[in-house]
Amino acid sequence: MMAIIMNAHEAKQKAAAAKATATPAAAAASSGLKSENIFGMMATYLNQGLGKPLIPKVSAIFGFEIQGKKGGPIDLVYEIDLKNGQGNTKKGKPEKPDATFTMTDEDFEAVCMGKLNP
């Protein structure tokens, strides 16, 4: 799942960079964190039912607290539910996570790209 999502992430980053160059005002609308795009791609993947085979294997709800920079405030909080239905990703703190991860935006991207082992 992560390989598919990250390939899409790289393509989306390239498109966003081109768009930001063309229209700088549009780039200001998002948080600017790479994690936000990754969570969006995960949501699309799960909403299409493509992650359903993961549910019985993982059976967990994860919370992610993302910092823009190390030691800084938490800028994004997301839930990835790989326990119920076909899976779900949503913005906000999970009610009962099985695990919560706090990391920087750069580290989250590196983990998703397979460049950093959590």
PDB file of N, CA and C in Angstrom:
ATOM      1  N   MET A   1       0.829  -1.183   0.000  1.00  0.00           N
ATOM      2  CA  MET A   1       0.000   0.000   0.000  1.00  0.00           C
ATOM      3  C   MET A   1       0.878   1.253   0.000  1.00  0.00           C
ATOM      4  N   MET A   2       1.908   1.255   0.846  1.00  0.00           N
ATOM      5  CA  MET A   2       2.739   2.461   0.961  1.00  0.00           C
ATOM      6  C   MET A   2       3.463   2.766  -0.345  1.00  0.00           C
ATOM      7  N   ALA A   3       3.915   1.737  -1.077  1.00  0.00           N
ATOM      8  CA  ALA A   3       4.623   1.979  -2.339  1.00  0.00           C
ATOM      9  C   ALA A   3       3.707   2.672  -3.339  1.00  0.00           C
ATOM     10  N   ILE A   4       2.469   2.234  -3.417  1.00  0.00           N
ATOM     11  CA  ILE A   4       1.501   2.842  -4.336  1.00  0.00           C
ATOM     12  C   ILE A   4       1.242   4.290  -3.929  1.00  0.00           C
ATOM     13  N   ILE A   5       1.016   4.489  -2.643  1.00  0.00           N
ATOM     14  CA  ILE A   5       0.727   5.834  -2.137  1.00  0.00           C
ATOM     15  C   ILE A   5       1.919   6.760  -2.366  1.00  0.00           C
ATOM     16  N   MET A   6       3.122   6.274  -2.110  1.00  0.00           N
ATOM     17  CA  MET A   6       4.289   7.140  -2.231  1.00  0.00           C
ATOM     18  C   MET A   6       4.619   7.463  -3.686  1.00  0.00           C
ATOM     19  N   ASN A   7       4.369   6.547  -4.616  1.00  0.00           N
ATOM     20  CA  ASN A   7       4.546   6.871  -6.030  1.00  0.00           C
ATOM     21  C   ASN A   7       3.589   7.990  -6.428  1.00  0.00           C
ATOM     22  N   ALA A   8       2.362   7.890  -5.941  1.00  0.00           N
ATOM     23  CA  ALA A   8       1.388   8.945  -6.211  1.00  0.00           C
ATOM     24  C   ALA A   8       1.807  10.245  -5.531  1.00  0.00           C
ATOM     25  N   HIS A   9       2.391  10.131  -4.331  1.00  0.00           N
ATOM     26  CA  HIS A   9       2.856  11.303  -3.584  1.00  0.00           C
ATOM     27  C   HIS A   9       3.935  12.055  -4.364  1.00  0.00           C
ATOM     28  N   GLU A  10       4.890  11.307  -4.912  1.00  0.00           N
ATOM     29  CA  GLU A  10       5.960  11.955  -5.677  1.00  0.00           C
ATOM     30  C   GLU A  10       5.400  12.686  -6.892  1.00  0.00           C
ATOM     31  N   ALA A  11       4.455  12.060  -7.586  1.00  0.00           N
ATOM     32  CA  ALA A  11       3.843  12.700  -8.755  1.00  0.00           C
ATOM     33  C   ALA A  11       3.070  13.945  -8.334  1.00  0.00           C
ATOM     34  N   LYS A  12       2.369  13.850  -7.203  1.00  0.00           N
ATOM     35  CA  LYS A  12       1.594  14.990  -6.715  1.00  0.00           C
ATOM     36  C   LYS A  12       2.504  16.138  -6.288  1.00  0.00           C
ATOM     37  N   GLN A  13       3.667  15.796  -5.675  1.00  0.00           N
ATOM     38  CA  GLN A  13       4.626  16.835  -5.272  1.00  0.00           C
ATOM     39  C   GLN A  13       5.144  17.593  -6.483  1.00  0.00           C
ATOM     40  N   LYS A  14       5.468  16.867  -7.537  1.00  0.00           N
ATOM     41  CA  LYS A  14       5.964  17.506  -8.754  1.00  0.00           C
ATOM     42  C   LYS A  14       4.901  18.423  -9.345  1.00  0.00           C
ATOM     43  N   ALA A  15       3.654  17.949  -9.372  1.00  0.00           N
ATOM     44  CA  ALA A  15       2.565  18.764  -9.906  1.00  0.00           C
ATOM     45  C   ALA A  15       2.328  19.991  -9.025  1.00  0.00           C
ATOM     46  N   ALA A  16       2.399  19.811  -7.699  1.00  0.00           N
ATOM     47  CA  ALA A  16       2.200  20.935  -6.782  1.00  0.00           C
ATOM     48  C   ALA A  16       3.304  21.964  -6.925  1.00  0.00           C
ATOM     49  N   ALA A  17       4.536  21.496  -7.117  1.00  0.00           N
ATOM     50  CA  ALA A  17       5.657  22.424  -7.298  1.00  0.00           C
ATOM     51  C   ALA A  17       5.468  23.246  -8.565  1.00  0.00           C
ATOM     52  N   ALA A  18       5.018  22.600  -9.610  1.00  0.00           N
ATOM     53  CA  ALA A  18       4.775  23.320 -10.861  1.00  0.00           C
ATOM     54  C   ALA A  18       3.640  24.320 -10.688  1.00  0.00           C
ATOM     55  N   LYS A  19       2.587  23.911  -9.961  1.00  0.00           N
ATOM     56  CA  LYS A  19       1.443  24.794  -9.740  1.00  0.00           C
ATOM     57  C   LYS A  19       1.836  25.974  -8.845  1.00  0.00           C
ATOM     58  N   ALA A  20       2.645  25.713  -7.817  1.00  0.00           N
ATOM     59  CA  ALA A  20       3.073  26.777  -6.910  1.00  0.00           C
ATOM     60  C   ALA A  20       3.893  27.821  -7.645  1.00  0.00           C
ATOM     61  N   THR A  21       4.661  27.372  -8.600  1.00  0.00           N
ATOM     62  CA  THR A  21       5.460  28.306  -9.396  1.00  0.00           C
ATOM     63  C   THR A  21       4.549  29.181 -10.241  1.00  0.00           C
ATOM     64  N   ALA A  22       3.482  28.557 -10.750  1.00  0.00           N
ATOM     65  CA  ALA A  22       2.553  29.291 -11.618  1.00  0.00           C
ATOM     66  C   ALA A  22       1.613  30.181 -10.809  1.00  0.00           C
ATOM     67  N   THR A  23       1.137  29.684  -9.649  1.00  0.00           N
ATOM     68  CA  THR A  23       0.175  30.432  -8.838  1.00  0.00           C
ATOM     69  C   THR A  23       0.552  30.357  -7.366  1.00  0.00           C
ATOM     70  N   PRO A  24       1.411  31.232  -6.869  1.00  0.00           N
ATOM     71  CA  PRO A  24       1.866  31.186  -5.485  1.00  0.00           C
ATOM     72  C   PRO A  24       0.737  31.326  -4.459  1.00  0.00           C
ATOM     73  N   ALA A  25      -0.336  32.015  -4.759  1.00  0.00           N
ATOM     74  CA  ALA A  25      -1.429  32.196  -3.811  1.00  0.00           C
ATOM     75  C   ALA A  25      -2.121  30.874  -3.516  1.00  0.00           C
ATOM     76  N   ALA A  26      -2.201  29.974  -4.474  1.00  0.00           N
ATOM     77  CA  ALA A  26      -2.862  28.687  -4.268  1.00  0.00           C
ATOM     78  C   ALA A  26      -2.108  27.837  -3.254  1.00  0.00           C
ATOM     79  N   ALA A  27      -0.804  27.937  -3.204  1.00  0.00           N
ATOM     80  CA  ALA A  27       0.000  27.137  -2.287  1.00  0.00           C
ATOM     81  C   ALA A  27      -0.247  27.537  -0.836  1.00  0.00           C
ATOM     82  N   ALA A  28      -0.648  28.754  -0.584  1.00  0.00           N
ATOM     83  CA  ALA A  28      -0.859  29.232   0.780  1.00  0.00           C
ATOM     84  C   ALA A  28      -2.100  28.626   1.424  1.00  0.00           C
ATOM     85  N   ALA A  29      -2.989  28.013   0.660  1.00  0.00           N
ATOM     86  CA  ALA A  29      -4.231  27.479   1.179  1.00  0.00           C
ATOM     87  C   ALA A  29      -4.019  26.251   2.065  1.00  0.00           C
ATOM     88  N   SER A  30      -2.971  25.455   1.853  1.00  0.00           N
ATOM     89  CA  SER A  30      -2.746  24.266   2.659  1.00  0.00           C
ATOM     90  C   SER A  30      -1.725  24.571   3.751  1.00  0.00           C
ATOM     91  N   SER A  31      -1.501  23.584   4.616  1.00  0.00           N
ATOM     92  CA  SER A  31      -0.550  23.773   5.713  1.00  0.00           C
ATOM     93  C   SER A  31       0.886  23.827   5.212  1.00  0.00           C
ATOM     94  N   GLY A  32       1.111  23.303   4.015  1.00  0.00           N
ATOM     95  CA  GLY A  32       2.457  23.260   3.479  1.00  0.00           C
ATOM     96  C   GLY A  32       3.245  22.054   3.941  1.00  0.00           C
ATOM     97  N   LEU A  33       2.652  21.222   4.797  1.00  0.00           N
ATOM     98  CA  LEU A  33       3.332  20.027   5.275  1.00  0.00           C
ATOM     99  C   LEU A  33       3.103  18.873   4.306  1.00  0.00           C
ATOM    100  N   LYS A  34       4.167  18.138   4.029  1.00  0.00           N
ATOM    101  CA  LYS A  34       4.081  17.000   3.112  1.00  0.00           C
ATOM    102  C   LYS A  34       3.145  15.929   3.661  1.00  0.00           C
ATOM    103  N   SER A  35       3.096  15.806   4.974  1.00  0.00           N
ATOM    104  CA  SER A  35       2.255  14.801   5.623  1.00  0.00           C
ATOM    105  C   SER A  35       0.795  14.958   5.244  1.00  0.00           C
ATOM    106  N   GLU A  36       0.346  16.178   5.116  1.00  0.00           N
ATOM    107  CA  GLU A  36      -1.059  16.424   4.788  1.00  0.00           C
ATOM    108  C   GLU A  36      -1.421  15.787   3.447  1.00  0.00           C
ATOM    109  N   ASN A  37      -0.542  15.906   2.473  1.00  0.00           N
ATOM    110  CA  ASN A  37      -0.776  15.280   1.176  1.00  0.00           C
ATOM    111  C   ASN A  37      -0.746  13.761   1.281  1.00  0.00           C
ATOM    112  N   ILE A  38       0.174  13.230   2.074  1.00  0.00           N
ATOM    113  CA  ILE A  38       0.282  11.780   2.228  1.00  0.00           C
ATOM    114  C   ILE A  38      -0.980  11.218   2.873  1.00  0.00           C
ATOM    115  N   PHE A  39      -1.461  11.877   3.924  1.00  0.00           N
ATOM    116  CA  PHE A  39      -2.701  11.418   4.561  1.00  0.00           C
ATOM    117  C   PHE A  39      -3.878  11.493   3.587  1.00  0.00           C
ATOM    118  N   GLY A  40      -3.892  12.516   2.750  1.00  0.00           N
ATOM    119  CA  GLY A  40      -4.945  12.631   1.735  1.00  0.00           C
ATOM    120  C   GLY A  40      -4.905  11.470   0.751  1.00  0.00           C
ATOM    121  N   MET A  41      -3.718  11.090   0.340  1.00  0.00           N
ATOM    122  CA  MET A  41      -3.580   9.944  -0.577  1.00  0.00           C
ATOM    123  C   MET A  41      -3.979   8.642   0.108  1.00  0.00           C
ATOM    124  N   MET A  42      -3.633   8.512   1.398  1.00  0.00           N
ATOM    125  CA  MET A  42      -4.041   7.323   2.148  1.00  0.00           C
ATOM    126  C   MET A  42      -5.568   7.249   2.231  1.00  0.00           C
ATOM    127  N   ALA A  43      -6.203   8.389   2.478  1.00  0.00           N
ATOM    128  CA  ALA A  43      -7.667   8.420   2.562  1.00  0.00           C
ATOM    129  C   ALA A  43      -8.290   7.984   1.245  1.00  0.00           C
ATOM    130  N   THR A  44      -7.768   8.481   0.143  1.00  0.00           N
ATOM    131  CA  THR A  44      -8.284   8.097  -1.173  1.00  0.00           C
ATOM    132  C   THR A  44      -8.137   6.602  -1.384  1.00  0.00           C
ATOM    133  N   TYR A  45      -6.973   6.082  -1.073  1.00  0.00           N
ATOM    134  CA  TYR A  45      -6.684   4.654  -1.224  1.00  0.00           C
ATOM    135  C   TYR A  45      -7.671   3.811  -0.407  1.00  0.00           C
ATOM    136  N   LEU A  46      -7.849   4.177   0.863  1.00  0.00           N
ATOM    137  CA  LEU A  46      -8.737   3.415   1.735  1.00  0.00           C
ATOM    138  C   LEU A  46     -10.203   3.592   1.344  1.00  0.00           C
ATOM    139  N   ASN A  47     -10.602   4.800   0.957  1.00  0.00           N
ATOM    140  CA  ASN A  47     -11.991   5.046   0.565  1.00  0.00           C
ATOM    141  C   ASN A  47     -12.388   4.257  -0.678  1.00  0.00           C
ATOM    142  N   GLN A  48     -11.416   3.917  -1.503  1.00  0.00           N
ATOM    143  CA  GLN A  48     -11.687   3.106  -2.691  1.00  0.00           C
ATOM    144  C   GLN A  48     -11.752   1.624  -2.349  1.00  0.00           C
ATOM    145  N   GLY A  49     -11.539   1.271  -1.095  1.00  0.00           N
ATOM    146  CA  GLY A  49     -11.606  -0.117  -0.653  1.00  0.00           C
ATOM    147  C   GLY A  49     -10.354  -0.918  -0.929  1.00  0.00           C
ATOM    148  N   LEU A  50      -9.295  -0.251  -1.365  1.00  0.00           N
ATOM    149  CA  LEU A  50      -8.075  -0.959  -1.737  1.00  0.00           C
ATOM    150  C   LEU A  50      -7.283  -1.484  -0.538  1.00  0.00           C
ATOM    151  N   GLY A  51      -7.559  -0.948   0.635  1.00  0.00           N
ATOM    152  CA  GLY A  51      -6.843  -1.390   1.829  1.00  0.00           C
ATOM    153  C   GLY A  51      -7.581  -2.445   2.640  1.00  0.00           C
ATOM    154  N   LYS A  52      -8.747  -2.867   2.154  1.00  0.00           N
ATOM    155  CA  LYS A  52      -9.561  -3.810   2.918  1.00  0.00           C
ATOM    156  C   LYS A  52      -8.816  -5.087   3.328  1.00  0.00           C
ATOM    157  N   PRO A  53      -7.935  -5.642   2.472  1.00  0.00           N
ATOM    158  CA  PRO A  53      -7.190  -6.842   2.900  1.00  0.00           C
ATOM    159  C   PRO A  53      -6.254  -6.589   4.098  1.00  0.00           C
ATOM    160  N   LEU A  54      -5.916  -5.330   4.363  1.00  0.00           N
ATOM    161  CA  LEU A  54      -5.045  -5.006   5.498  1.00  0.00           C
ATOM    162  C   LEU A  54      -5.762  -5.080   6.842  1.00  0.00           C
ATOM    163  N   ILE A  55      -7.070  -4.887   6.833  1.00  0.00           N
ATOM    164  CA  ILE A  55      -7.827  -4.761   8.083  1.00  0.00           C
ATOM    165  C   ILE A  55      -7.634  -5.973   9.004  1.00  0.00           C
ATOM    166  N   PRO A  56      -7.844  -7.213   8.543  1.00  0.00           N
ATOM    167  CA  PRO A  56      -7.640  -8.345   9.469  1.00  0.00           C
ATOM    168  C   PRO A  56      -6.166  -8.565   9.840  1.00  0.00           C
ATOM    169  N   LYS A  57      -5.257  -8.121   8.999  1.00  0.00           N
ATOM    170  CA  LYS A  57      -3.822  -8.307   9.274  1.00  0.00           C
ATOM    171  C   LYS A  57      -3.304  -7.296  10.296  1.00  0.00           C
ATOM    172  N   VAL A  58      -3.742  -6.032  10.172  1.00  0.00           N
ATOM    173  CA  VAL A  58      -3.239  -4.967  11.035  1.00  0.00           C
ATOM    174  C   VAL A  58      -4.100  -4.830  12.286  1.00  0.00           C
ATOM    175  N   SER A  59      -5.392  -4.705  12.096  1.00  0.00           N
ATOM    176  CA  SER A  59      -6.375  -4.607  13.171  1.00  0.00           C
ATOM    177  C   SER A  59      -5.957  -3.616  14.271  1.00  0.00           C
ATOM    178  N   ALA A  60      -5.687  -2.383  13.863  1.00  0.00           N
ATOM    179  CA  ALA A  60      -5.273  -1.357  14.818  1.00  0.00           C
ATOM    180  C   ALA A  60      -5.687   0.032  14.333  1.00  0.00           C
ATOM    181  N   ILE A  61      -5.807   0.926  15.288  1.00  0.00           N
ATOM    182  CA  ILE A  61      -6.072   2.340  15.002  1.00  0.00           C
ATOM    183  C   ILE A  61      -4.832   3.109  15.445  1.00  0.00           C
ATOM    184  N   PHE A  62      -4.307   3.919  14.524  1.00  0.00           N
ATOM    185  CA  PHE A  62      -3.090   4.673  14.793  1.00  0.00           C
ATOM    186  C   PHE A  62      -3.378   6.169  14.826  1.00  0.00           C
ATOM    187  N   GLY A  63      -2.746   6.841  15.764  1.00  0.00           N
ATOM    188  CA  GLY A  63      -2.781   8.296  15.817  1.00  0.00           C
ATOM    189  C   GLY A  63      -1.428   8.836  15.379  1.00  0.00           C
ATOM    190  N   PHE A  64      -1.444   9.918  14.637  1.00  0.00           N
ATOM    191  CA  PHE A  64      -0.206  10.561  14.195  1.00  0.00           C
ATOM    192  C   PHE A  64      -0.247  12.027  14.575  1.00  0.00           C
ATOM    193  N   GLU A  65       0.764  12.468  15.281  1.00  0.00           N
ATOM    194  CA  GLU A  65       0.932  13.876  15.645  1.00  0.00           C
ATOM    195  C   GLU A  65       2.155  14.375  14.890  1.00  0.00           C
ATOM    196  N   ILE A  66       1.946  15.307  13.983  1.00  0.00           N
ATOM    197  CA  ILE A  66       3.005  15.769  13.092  1.00  0.00           C
ATOM    198  C   ILE A  66       3.451  17.182  13.476  1.00  0.00           C
ATOM    199  N   GLN A  67       4.762  17.326  13.640  1.00  0.00           N
ATOM    200  CA  GLN A  67       5.376  18.620  13.939  1.00  0.00           C
ATOM    201  C   GLN A  67       6.023  19.157  12.667  1.00  0.00           C
ATOM    202  N   GLY A  68       5.909  20.461  12.458  1.00  0.00           N
ATOM    203  CA  GLY A  68       6.578  21.082  11.324  1.00  0.00           C
ATOM    204  C   GLY A  68       8.087  21.008  11.458  1.00  0.00           C
ATOM    205  N   LYS A  69       8.574  21.130  12.682  1.00  0.00           N
ATOM    206  CA  LYS A  69      10.020  21.015  12.941  1.00  0.00           C
ATOM    207  C   LYS A  69      10.213  20.369  14.309  1.00  0.00           C
ATOM    208  N   LYS A  70      11.355  19.736  14.488  1.00  0.00           N
ATOM    209  CA  LYS A  70      11.655  19.028  15.728  1.00  0.00           C
ATOM    210  C   LYS A  70      11.568  19.968  16.929  1.00  0.00           C
ATOM    211  N   GLY A  71      10.849  19.521  17.942  1.00  0.00           N
ATOM    212  CA  GLY A  71      10.687  20.321  19.147  1.00  0.00           C
ATOM    213  C   GLY A  71       9.606  21.373  19.045  1.00  0.00           C
ATOM    214  N   GLY A  72       9.021  21.512  17.860  1.00  0.00           N
ATOM    215  CA  GLY A  72       7.973  22.508  17.650  1.00  0.00           C
ATOM    216  C   GLY A  72       6.606  21.992  18.082  1.00  0.00           C
ATOM    217  N   PRO A  73       5.605  22.821  17.917  1.00  0.00           N
ATOM    218  CA  PRO A  73       4.248  22.406  18.284  1.00  0.00           C
ATOM    219  C   PRO A  73       3.710  21.348  17.309  1.00  0.00           C
ATOM    220  N   ILE A  74       2.682  20.657  17.737  1.00  0.00           N
ATOM    221  CA  ILE A  74       1.992  19.694  16.874  1.00  0.00           C
ATOM    222  C   ILE A  74       1.157  20.496  15.881  1.00  0.00           C
ATOM    223  N   ASP A  75       1.440  20.310  14.588  1.00  0.00           N
ATOM    224  CA  ASP A  75       0.748  21.063  13.544  1.00  0.00           C
ATOM    225  C   ASP A  75      -0.401  20.291  12.910  1.00  0.00           C
ATOM    226  N   LEU A  76      -0.297  18.970  12.867  1.00  0.00           N
ATOM    227  CA  LEU A  76      -1.341  18.120  12.288  1.00  0.00           C
ATOM    228  C   LEU A  76      -1.565  16.917  13.181  1.00  0.00           C
ATOM    229  N   VAL A  77      -2.819  16.495  13.301  1.00  0.00           N
ATOM    230  CA  VAL A  77      -3.150  15.269  14.017  1.00  0.00           C
ATOM    231  C   VAL A  77      -4.087  14.477  13.118  1.00  0.00           C
ATOM    232  N   TYR A  78      -3.732  13.216  12.878  1.00  0.00           N
ATOM    233  CA  TYR A  78      -4.536  12.350  12.017  1.00  0.00           C
ATOM    234  C   TYR A  78      -4.741  10.991  12.664  1.00  0.00           C
ATOM    235  N   GLU A  79      -5.801  10.341  12.245  1.00  0.00           N
ATOM    236  CA  GLU A  79      -6.115   8.977  12.637  1.00  0.00           C
ATOM    237  C   GLU A  79      -6.102   8.102  11.396  1.00  0.00           C
ATOM    238  N   ILE A  80      -5.470   6.944  11.498  1.00  0.00           N
ATOM    239  CA  ILE A  80      -5.574   5.927  10.454  1.00  0.00           C
ATOM    240  C   ILE A  80      -6.201   4.707  11.114  1.00  0.00           C
ATOM    241  N   ASP A  81      -7.416   4.391  10.691  1.00  0.00           N
ATOM    242  CA  ASP A  81      -8.155   3.255  11.235  1.00  0.00           C
ATOM    243  C   ASP A  81      -7.986   2.066  10.304  1.00  0.00           C
ATOM    244  N   LEU A  82      -7.173   1.128  10.716  1.00  0.00           N
ATOM    245  CA  LEU A  82      -6.990  -0.121   9.972  1.00  0.00           C
ATOM    246  C   LEU A  82      -7.539  -1.279  10.807  1.00  0.00           C
ATOM    247  N   LYS A  83      -8.675  -0.984  11.482  1.00  0.00           N
ATOM    248  CA  LYS A  83      -9.321  -1.968  12.347  1.00  0.00           C
ATOM    249  C   LYS A  83     -10.767  -2.212  11.926  1.00  0.00           C
ATOM    250  N   ASN A  84     -11.400  -1.217  11.349  1.00  0.00           N
ATOM    251  CA  ASN A  84     -12.835  -1.272  11.070  1.00  0.00           C
ATOM    252  C   ASN A  84     -13.149  -1.083   9.590  1.00  0.00           C
ATOM    253  N   GLY A  85     -14.183  -1.805   9.129  1.00  0.00           N
ATOM    254  CA  GLY A  85     -14.660  -1.643   7.756  1.00  0.00           C
ATOM    255  C   GLY A  85     -13.573  -1.868   6.725  1.00  0.00           C
ATOM    256  N   GLN A  86     -13.448  -0.898   5.814  1.00  0.00           N
ATOM    257  CA  GLN A  86     -12.413  -0.976   4.777  1.00  0.00           C
ATOM    258  C   GLN A  86     -11.214  -0.099   5.108  1.00  0.00           C
ATOM    259  N   GLY A  87     -11.226   0.457   6.319  1.00  0.00           N
ATOM    260  CA  GLY A  87     -10.164   1.362   6.737  1.00  0.00           C
ATOM    261  C   GLY A  87     -10.566   2.801   6.487  1.00  0.00           C
ATOM    262  N   ASN A  88      -9.931   3.700   7.216  1.00  0.00           N
ATOM    263  CA  ASN A  88     -10.318   5.105   7.130  1.00  0.00           C
ATOM    264  C   ASN A  88      -9.161   5.976   7.623  1.00  0.00           C
ATOM    265  N   THR A  89      -9.031   7.130   7.034  1.00  0.00           N
ATOM    266  CA  THR A  89      -8.072   8.130   7.493  1.00  0.00           C
ATOM    267  C   THR A  89      -8.826   9.432   7.663  1.00  0.00           C
ATOM    268  N   LYS A  90      -8.647  10.064   8.814  1.00  0.00           N
ATOM    269  CA  LYS A  90      -9.317  11.349   9.010  1.00  0.00           C
ATOM    270  C   LYS A  90      -8.475  12.264   9.886  1.00  0.00           C
ATOM    271  N   LYS A  91      -8.692  13.539   9.682  1.00  0.00           N
ATOM    272  CA  LYS A  91      -7.987  14.553  10.455  1.00  0.00           C
ATOM    273  C   LYS A  91      -8.594  14.613  11.852  1.00  0.00           C
ATOM    274  N   GLY A  92      -7.735  14.699  12.838  1.00  0.00           N
ATOM    275  CA  GLY A  92      -8.200  14.799  14.215  1.00  0.00           C
ATOM    276  C   GLY A  92      -7.663  13.664  15.071  1.00  0.00           C
ATOM    277  N   LYS A  93      -7.765  13.848  16.365  1.00  0.00           N
ATOM    278  CA  LYS A  93      -7.246  12.893  17.337  1.00  0.00           C
ATOM    279  C   LYS A  93      -8.186  11.693  17.444  1.00  0.00           C
ATOM    280  N   PRO A  94      -7.641  10.467  17.353  1.00  0.00           N
ATOM    281  CA  PRO A  94      -8.487   9.284  17.509  1.00  0.00           C
ATOM    282  C   PRO A  94      -8.951   9.140  18.959  1.00  0.00           C
ATOM    283  N   GLU A  95     -10.168   8.571  19.139  1.00  0.00           N
ATOM    284  CA  GLU A  95     -10.695   8.389  20.491  1.00  0.00           C
ATOM    285  C   GLU A  95      -9.914   7.349  21.282  1.00  0.00           C
ATOM    286  N   LYS A  96      -9.666   6.196  20.655  1.00  0.00           N
ATOM    287  CA  LYS A  96      -8.972   5.109  21.349  1.00  0.00           C
ATOM    288  C   LYS A  96      -7.921   4.490  20.426  1.00  0.00           C
ATOM    289  N   PRO A  97      -6.802   5.190  20.229  1.00  0.00           N
ATOM    290  CA  PRO A  97      -5.765   4.625  19.351  1.00  0.00           C
ATOM    291  C   PRO A  97      -5.048   3.452  20.022  1.00  0.00           C
ATOM    292  N   ASP A  98      -4.624   2.506  19.206  1.00  0.00           N
ATOM    293  CA  ASP A  98      -3.799   1.408  19.710  1.00  0.00           C
ATOM    294  C   ASP A  98      -2.356   1.874  19.866  1.00  0.00           C
ATOM    295  N   ALA A  99      -1.976   2.880  19.091  1.00  0.00           N
ATOM    296  CA  ALA A  99      -0.637   3.473  19.183  1.00  0.00           C
ATOM    297  C   ALA A  99      -0.710   4.888  18.622  1.00  0.00           C
ATOM    298  N   THR A 100       0.107   5.772  19.187  1.00  0.00           N
ATOM    299  CA  THR A 100       0.199   7.147  18.688  1.00  0.00           C
ATOM    300  C   THR A 100       1.666   7.441  18.417  1.00  0.00           C
ATOM    301  N   PHE A 101       1.913   8.013  17.251  1.00  0.00           N
ATOM    302  CA  PHE A 101       3.273   8.347  16.830  1.00  0.00           C
ATOM    303  C   PHE A 101       3.395   9.867  16.724  1.00  0.00           C
ATOM    304  N   THR A 102       4.441  10.413  17.296  1.00  0.00           N
ATOM    305  CA  THR A 102       4.729  11.834  17.182  1.00  0.00           C
ATOM    306  C   THR A 102       6.054  11.964  16.433  1.00  0.00           C
ATOM    307  N   MET A 103       6.026  12.694  15.332  1.00  0.00           N
ATOM    308  CA  MET A 103       7.245  12.859  14.533  1.00  0.00           C
ATOM    309  C   MET A 103       7.162  14.120  13.700  1.00  0.00           C
ATOM    310  N   THR A 104       8.307  14.497  13.164  1.00  0.00           N
ATOM    311  CA  THR A 104       8.336  15.673  12.302  1.00  0.00           C
ATOM    312  C   THR A 104       7.767  15.318  10.931  1.00  0.00           C
ATOM    313  N   ASP A 105       7.406  16.340  10.209  1.00  0.00           N
ATOM    314  CA  ASP A 105       6.887  16.176   8.853  1.00  0.00           C
ATOM    315  C   ASP A 105       7.898  15.447   7.974  1.00  0.00           C
ATOM    316  N   GLU A 106       9.168  15.846   8.072  1.00  0.00           N
ATOM    317  CA  GLU A 106      10.224  15.220   7.268  1.00  0.00           C
ATOM    318  C   GLU A 106      10.401  13.747   7.630  1.00  0.00           C
ATOM    319  N   ASP A 107      10.359  13.430   8.923  1.00  0.00           N
ATOM    320  CA  ASP A 107      10.512  12.037   9.347  1.00  0.00           C
ATOM    321  C   ASP A 107       9.325  11.193   8.883  1.00  0.00           C
ATOM    322  N   PHE A 108       8.115  11.742   8.949  1.00  0.00           N
ATOM    323  CA  PHE A 108       6.941  10.999   8.490  1.00  0.00           C
ATOM    324  C   PHE A 108       7.063  10.666   7.010  1.00  0.00           C
ATOM    325  N   GLU A 109       7.482  11.645   6.223  1.00  0.00           N
ATOM    326  CA  GLU A 109       7.671  11.398   4.794  1.00  0.00           C
ATOM    327  C   GLU A 109       8.745  10.326   4.574  1.00  0.00           C
ATOM    328  N   ALA A 110       9.847  10.407   5.317  1.00  0.00           N
ATOM    329  CA  ALA A 110      10.931   9.430   5.171  1.00  0.00           C
ATOM    330  C   ALA A 110      10.473   8.027   5.541  1.00  0.00           C
ATOM    331  N   VAL A 111       9.662   7.893   6.584  1.00  0.00           N
ATOM    332  CA  VAL A 111       9.115   6.585   6.970  1.00  0.00           C
ATOM    333  C   VAL A 111       8.246   6.045   5.844  1.00  0.00           C
ATOM    334  N   CYS A 112       7.382   6.892   5.301  1.00  0.00           N
ATOM    335  CA  CYS A 112       6.482   6.469   4.224  1.00  0.00           C
ATOM    336  C   CYS A 112       7.230   6.095   2.950  1.00  0.00           C
ATOM    337  N   MET A 113       8.360   6.722   2.722  1.00  0.00           N
ATOM    338  CA  MET A 113       9.166   6.444   1.528  1.00  0.00           C
ATOM    339  C   MET A 113      10.102   5.237   1.752  1.00  0.00           C
ATOM    340  N   GLY A 114      10.121   4.696   2.979  1.00  0.00           N
ATOM    341  CA  GLY A 114      10.998   3.570   3.279  1.00  0.00           C
ATOM    342  C   GLY A 114      12.442   3.980   3.501  1.00  0.00           C
ATOM    343  N   LYS A 115      12.679   5.280   3.717  1.00  0.00           N
ATOM    344  CA  LYS A 115      14.034   5.779   3.917  1.00  0.00           C
ATOM    345  C   LYS A 115      14.412   5.854   5.395  1.00  0.00           C
ATOM    346  N   LEU A 116      13.420   5.721   6.286  1.00  0.00           N
ATOM    347  CA  LEU A 116      13.648   5.793   7.717  1.00  0.00           C
ATOM    348  C   LEU A 116      12.826   4.699   8.371  1.00  0.00           C
ATOM    349  N   ASN A 117      13.441   3.931   9.228  1.00  0.00           N
ATOM    350  CA  ASN A 117      12.762   2.871   9.952  1.00  0.00           C
ATOM    351  C   ASN A 117      12.252   3.441  11.266  1.00  0.00           C
ATOM    352  N   PRO A 118      10.953   3.317  11.531  1.00  0.00           N
ATOM    353  CA  PRO A 118      10.419   3.923  12.768  1.00  0.00           C
ATOM    354  C   PRO A 118      10.941   3.310  14.044  1.00  0.00           C
TER     355      PRO A 118
END
